[in-house]
Amino acid sequence: MSRRKFDKEFKTTIIELLKNGKEVKTVCLEYDLDTSMVSRWRREFKSETGSFKDETTLIYEQEIRSLKKQLKDAQEERDILKKAVRIFSVSDK
């Protein structure tokens, strides 16, 4: 059995139905959905996580990952240079 995929628009529609007073159980029966999945979508919608992240958030997260990598690389280079300075300063004496 293959996994069904639901796009953001469909998930948002389901969330809107719940916001307008429909019961989770009723929506799940109408659309043949699992209650735990719909509950997760509602939780993700409230916290703007999962498929409900907006494009700006995704761009910022990507930029943060890139900056963290650059920082790590710079720190490694700094540590190597510190060791080299220690080695050369000891051999000068």
Protein backbone atom coordinates (compact mmCIF):
# COMPACT_ATOMS: atom_id res chain seq x y z
CA MET A 1 0.00 0.00 0.00
CA SER A 2 1.49 3.33 -1.01
CA ARG A 3 1.50 6.35 1.24
CA ARG A 4 -0.89 9.11 0.34
CA LYS A 5 0.53 12.61 0.11
CA PHE A 6 -1.49 15.71 0.84
CA ASP A 7 -0.53 19.18 -0.33
CA LYS A 8 -0.54 22.25 1.88
CA GLU A 9 -3.76 23.55 0.33
CA PHE A 10 -5.66 20.35 1.21
CA LYS A 11 -4.31 20.36 4.78
CA THR A 12 -5.28 24.02 5.17
CA THR A 13 -8.79 23.22 3.95
CA ILE A 14 -9.11 20.49 6.57
CA ILE A 15 -7.86 22.87 9.29
CA GLU A 16 -10.39 25.50 8.17
CA LEU A 17 -13.20 22.95 8.45
CA LEU A 18 -12.11 22.20 12.02
CA LYS A 19 -11.89 25.93 12.83
CA ASN A 20 -15.45 26.36 11.55
CA GLY A 21 -16.73 23.85 14.10
CA LYS A 22 -16.60 20.49 12.34
CA GLU A 23 -15.64 17.55 14.54
CA VAL A 24 -12.30 15.84 13.87
CA LYS A 25 -14.06 12.49 13.68
CA THR A 26 -16.57 13.78 11.10
CA VAL A 27 -13.89 15.34 8.89
CA CYS A 28 -11.80 12.16 9.08
CA LEU A 29 -14.74 10.01 8.01
CA GLU A 30 -15.71 12.36 5.16
CA TYR A 31 -12.20 12.56 3.72
CA ASP A 32 -10.97 9.07 4.74
CA LEU A 33 -8.23 10.46 6.97
CA ASP A 34 -6.61 9.17 10.15
CA THR A 35 -7.47 11.17 13.28
CA SER A 36 -3.85 11.24 14.47
CA MET A 37 -2.76 12.73 11.15
CA VAL A 38 -5.40 15.47 11.30
CA SER A 39 -4.47 16.21 14.91
CA ARG A 40 -0.81 16.53 13.85
CA TRP A 41 -1.79 18.89 11.03
CA ARG A 42 -3.72 21.06 13.49
CA ARG A 43 -0.76 21.12 15.89
CA GLU A 44 1.66 21.99 13.06
CA PHE A 45 -0.68 24.71 11.81
CA LYS A 46 -0.83 26.35 15.26
CA SER A 47 2.94 26.28 15.68
CA GLU A 48 3.70 27.01 11.99
CA THR A 49 5.87 23.91 11.64
CA GLY A 50 5.93 21.01 9.20
CA SER A 51 4.24 21.78 5.90
CA PHE A 52 2.76 24.98 7.35
CA LYS A 53 6.08 26.82 7.47
CA ASP A 54 6.03 29.88 5.29
CA GLU A 55 8.65 30.49 2.62
CA THR A 56 10.38 33.20 4.66
CA THR A 57 10.93 30.80 7.55
CA LEU A 58 12.40 28.20 5.19
CA ILE A 59 14.78 30.77 3.70
CA TYR A 60 15.89 31.92 7.16
CA GLU A 61 16.50 28.34 8.30
CA GLN A 62 18.60 27.66 5.21
CA GLU A 63 20.60 30.85 5.82
CA ILE A 64 21.16 29.90 9.47
CA ARG A 65 22.46 26.45 8.45
CA SER A 66 24.83 28.08 5.96
CA LEU A 67 26.10 30.61 8.51
CA LYS A 68 26.62 27.89 11.13
CA LYS A 69 28.73 25.93 8.63
CA GLN A 70 30.79 29.02 7.79
CA LEU A 71 31.32 29.71 11.51
CA LYS A 72 32.43 26.13 12.14
CA ASP A 73 34.89 26.31 9.23
CA ALA A 74 36.30 29.63 10.46
CA GLN A 75 36.70 28.25 14.00
CA GLU A 76 38.55 25.20 12.67
CA GLU A 77 40.88 27.44 10.64
CA ARG A 78 41.49 29.63 13.70
CA ASP A 79 42.32 26.59 15.84
CA ILE A 80 44.77 25.30 13.22
CA LEU A 81 46.48 28.69 13.04
CA LYS A 82 46.74 28.87 16.85
CA LYS A 83 48.45 25.47 16.91
CA ALA A 84 50.81 26.53 14.15
CA VAL A 85 51.75 29.70 16.03
CA ARG A 86 52.47 27.63 19.17
CA ILE A 87 54.60 25.16 17.24
CA PHE A 88 56.64 27.86 15.49
CA SER A 89 57.05 29.99 18.62
CA VAL A 90 58.42 27.00 20.58
CA SER A 91 60.97 26.16 17.86
CA ASP A 92 62.21 29.77 17.79
CA LYS A 93 63.58 29.57 21.35
